[in-house]
C-alpha atoms as a PDB file:
ATOM      1  CA  MET A   1      48.818 -28.844  59.221  1.00  0.00           C
ATOM      2  CA  ALA A   2      48.961 -31.868  61.449  1.00  0.00           C
ATOM      3  CA  SER A   3      45.637 -33.527  60.733  1.00  0.00           C
ATOM      4  CA  VAL A   4      42.030 -33.077  59.757  1.00  0.00           C
ATOM      5  CA  ARG A   5      40.959 -33.980  63.284  1.00  0.00           C
ATOM      6  CA  ILE A   6      42.988 -31.118  64.733  1.00  0.00           C
ATOM      7  CA  LEU A   7      41.538 -28.648  62.223  1.00  0.00           C
ATOM      8  CA  LYS A   8      38.005 -29.732  63.103  1.00  0.00           C
ATOM      9  CA  ARG A   9      38.861 -29.342  66.782  1.00  0.00           C
ATOM     10  CA  ASP A  10      40.250 -25.848  66.115  1.00  0.00           C
ATOM     11  CA  ILE A  11      37.052 -24.861  64.318  1.00  0.00           C
ATOM     12  CA  ASN A  12      35.002 -26.105  67.247  1.00  0.00           C
ATOM     13  CA  TYR A  13      37.162 -24.405  69.896  1.00  0.00           C
ATOM     14  CA  VAL A  14      37.503 -21.039  68.144  1.00  0.00           C
ATOM     15  CA  LEU A  15      33.843 -20.631  67.346  1.00  0.00           C
ATOM     16  CA  GLY A  16      32.799 -22.064  70.716  1.00  0.00           C
ATOM     17  CA  ASP A  17      35.004 -19.524  72.488  1.00  0.00           C
ATOM     18  CA  ILE A  18      33.484 -16.718  70.415  1.00  0.00           C
ATOM     19  CA  ILE A  19      29.962 -17.809  71.359  1.00  0.00           C
ATOM     20  CA  GLU A  20      31.011 -18.077  74.998  1.00  0.00           C
ATOM     21  CA  ALA A  21      32.454 -14.542  74.872  1.00  0.00           C
ATOM     22  CA  VAL A  22      29.124 -13.240  73.567  1.00  0.00           C
ATOM     23  CA  TYR A  23      27.250 -14.986  76.379  1.00  0.00           C
ATOM     24  CA  ILE A  24      29.622 -13.452  78.916  1.00  0.00           C
ATOM     25  CA  TRP A  25      29.053 -10.023  77.361  1.00  0.00           C
ATOM     26  CA  GLU A  26      25.290 -10.539  77.596  1.00  0.00           C
ATOM     27  CA  LEU A  27      25.547 -11.486  81.271  1.00  0.00           C
ATOM     28  CA  THR A  28      27.729  -8.507  82.148  1.00  0.00           C
ATOM     29  CA  ASN A  29      25.570  -6.044  80.163  1.00  0.00           C
ATOM     30  CA  PRO A  30      21.949  -7.002  80.921  1.00  0.00           C
ATOM     31  CA  GLU A  31      20.677  -3.472  80.340  1.00  0.00           C
ATOM     32  CA  LYS A  32      21.888  -3.334  76.735  1.00  0.00           C
ATOM     33  CA  ASP A  33      20.041  -4.657  73.691  1.00  0.00           C
ATOM     34  CA  ASN A  34      21.044  -8.247  72.892  1.00  0.00           C
ATOM     35  CA  LYS A  35      19.962  -8.315  69.243  1.00  0.00           C
ATOM     36  CA  LYS A  36      23.448  -7.557  67.942  1.00  0.00           C
ATOM     37  CA  ALA A  37      24.942 -10.155  70.285  1.00  0.00           C
ATOM     38  CA  GLU A  38      22.480 -12.788  69.124  1.00  0.00           C
ATOM     39  CA  ALA A  39      23.309 -11.943  65.508  1.00  0.00           C
ATOM     40  CA  ILE A  40      26.983 -12.625  66.284  1.00  0.00           C
ATOM     41  CA  ILE A  41      26.049 -16.013  67.755  1.00  0.00           C
ATOM     42  CA  ASP A  42      23.969 -16.843  64.667  1.00  0.00           C
ATOM     43  CA  ASP A  43      26.889 -15.818  62.439  1.00  0.00           C
ATOM     44  CA  ALA A  44      29.288 -18.012  64.447  1.00  0.00           C
ATOM     45  CA  ILE A  45      26.960 -21.008  64.119  1.00  0.00           C
ATOM     46  CA  LEU A  46      26.591 -20.399  60.399  1.00  0.00           C
ATOM     47  CA  THR A  47      30.380 -20.153  60.053  1.00  0.00           C
ATOM     48  CA  PHE A  48      30.780 -23.427  61.950  1.00  0.00           C
ATOM     49  CA  ASP A  49      28.286 -25.207  59.700  1.00  0.00           C
ATOM     50  CA  GLU A  50      29.924 -23.885  56.530  1.00  0.00           C
ATOM     51  CA  LEU A  51      33.468 -24.773  57.585  1.00  0.00           C
ATOM     52  CA  ILE A  52      32.531 -28.277  58.713  1.00  0.00           C
ATOM     53  CA  ALA A  53      30.694 -28.827  55.426  1.00  0.00           C
ATOM     54  CA  LYS A  54      33.845 -27.789  53.571  1.00  0.00           C
ATOM     55  CA  MET A  55      35.912 -30.131  55.753  1.00  0.00           C
ATOM     56  CA  ASN A  56      33.657 -33.047  54.869  1.00  0.00           C
ATOM     57  CA  ASP A  57      33.811 -32.384  51.123  1.00  0.00           C
ATOM     58  CA  LYS A  58      35.349 -35.496  49.581  1.00  0.00           C
ATOM     59  CA  LYS A  59      35.575 -34.157  46.019  1.00  0.00           C
ATOM     60  CA  VAL A  60      38.766 -32.170  46.572  1.00  0.00           C
ATOM     61  CA  GLU A  61      41.745 -32.661  44.314  1.00  0.00           C
ATOM     62  CA  ASN A  62      44.472 -31.045  46.400  1.00  0.00           C
ATOM     63  CA  LYS A  63      43.613 -31.740  50.029  1.00  0.00           C
ATOM     64  CA  LYS A  64      46.570 -29.885  51.502  1.00  0.00           C
ATOM     65  CA  GLN A  65      45.634 -26.603  49.810  1.00  0.00           C
ATOM     66  CA  HIS A  66      41.973 -27.157  50.616  1.00  0.00           C
ATOM     67  CA  TYR A  67      42.630 -27.557  54.344  1.00  0.00           C
ATOM     68  CA  LYS A  68      45.013 -24.589  54.400  1.00  0.00           C
ATOM     69  CA  ALA A  69      42.294 -22.477  52.791  1.00  0.00           C
ATOM     70  CA  ILE A  70      39.805 -23.621  55.422  1.00  0.00           C
ATOM     71  CA  ASN A  71      42.277 -22.751  58.178  1.00  0.00           C
ATOM     72  CA  LYS A  72      42.815 -19.301  56.663  1.00  0.00           C
ATOM     73  CA  GLU A  73      39.059 -18.767  56.365  1.00  0.00           C
ATOM     74  CA  LEU A  74      38.635 -19.763  60.024  1.00  0.00           C
ATOM     75  CA  GLU A  75      41.212 -17.170  61.060  1.00  0.00           C
ATOM     76  CA  ASP A  76      39.651 -14.423  58.923  1.00  0.00           C
ATOM     77  CA  ARG A  77      36.065 -15.058  59.926  1.00  0.00           C
ATOM     78  CA  GLY A  78      37.047 -15.562  63.564  1.00  0.00           C
ATOM     79  CA  ARG A  79      38.793 -12.186  63.634  1.00  0.00           C
ATOM     80  CA  LYS A  80      35.749 -10.511  62.099  1.00  0.00           C
ATOM     81  CA  LEU A  81      33.496 -12.031  64.749  1.00  0.00           C
ATOM     82  CA  ILE A  82      35.874 -10.956  67.527  1.00  0.00           C
ATOM     83  CA  ASP A  83      35.907  -7.422  66.114  1.00  0.00           C
ATOM     84  CA  LYS A  84      32.101  -7.434  66.216  1.00  0.00           C
ATOM     85  CA  ILE A  85      32.191  -8.528  69.865  1.00  0.00           C
ATOM     86  CA  ASN A  86      34.639  -5.764  70.688  1.00  0.00           C
ATOM     87  CA  ALA A  87      32.365  -3.232  68.978  1.00  0.00           C
ATOM     88  CA  LEU A  88      29.455  -4.145  71.242  1.00  0.00           C
END
C-alpha cells in the first residue's frame, strides 16, 4: 500500500462510482421502484462512513495490517454493492 491518502481516495472513488451507477440506473429505469436503489445508496454511504472512521482510528498497533484489512473490506463490500446493483 502506497499511502493512507491513496487508500482514502480509493474509498471515495469506489463508493462514489457505486452511488453514481445507482443514479444512472434510476434515470434509465424511471418506471421501476427506486426503494431498492435508494437502499443501496444508503448502504454505500454507511460503508463510506465506517471505512473512513476506521482509517482515522489512531489506536492501532500494526498500521500496515490495519490498512490492508480496510482495503480488503473495501473490495468485499464494494463487490457486494455492485452485485446488488446488477440484481436490480
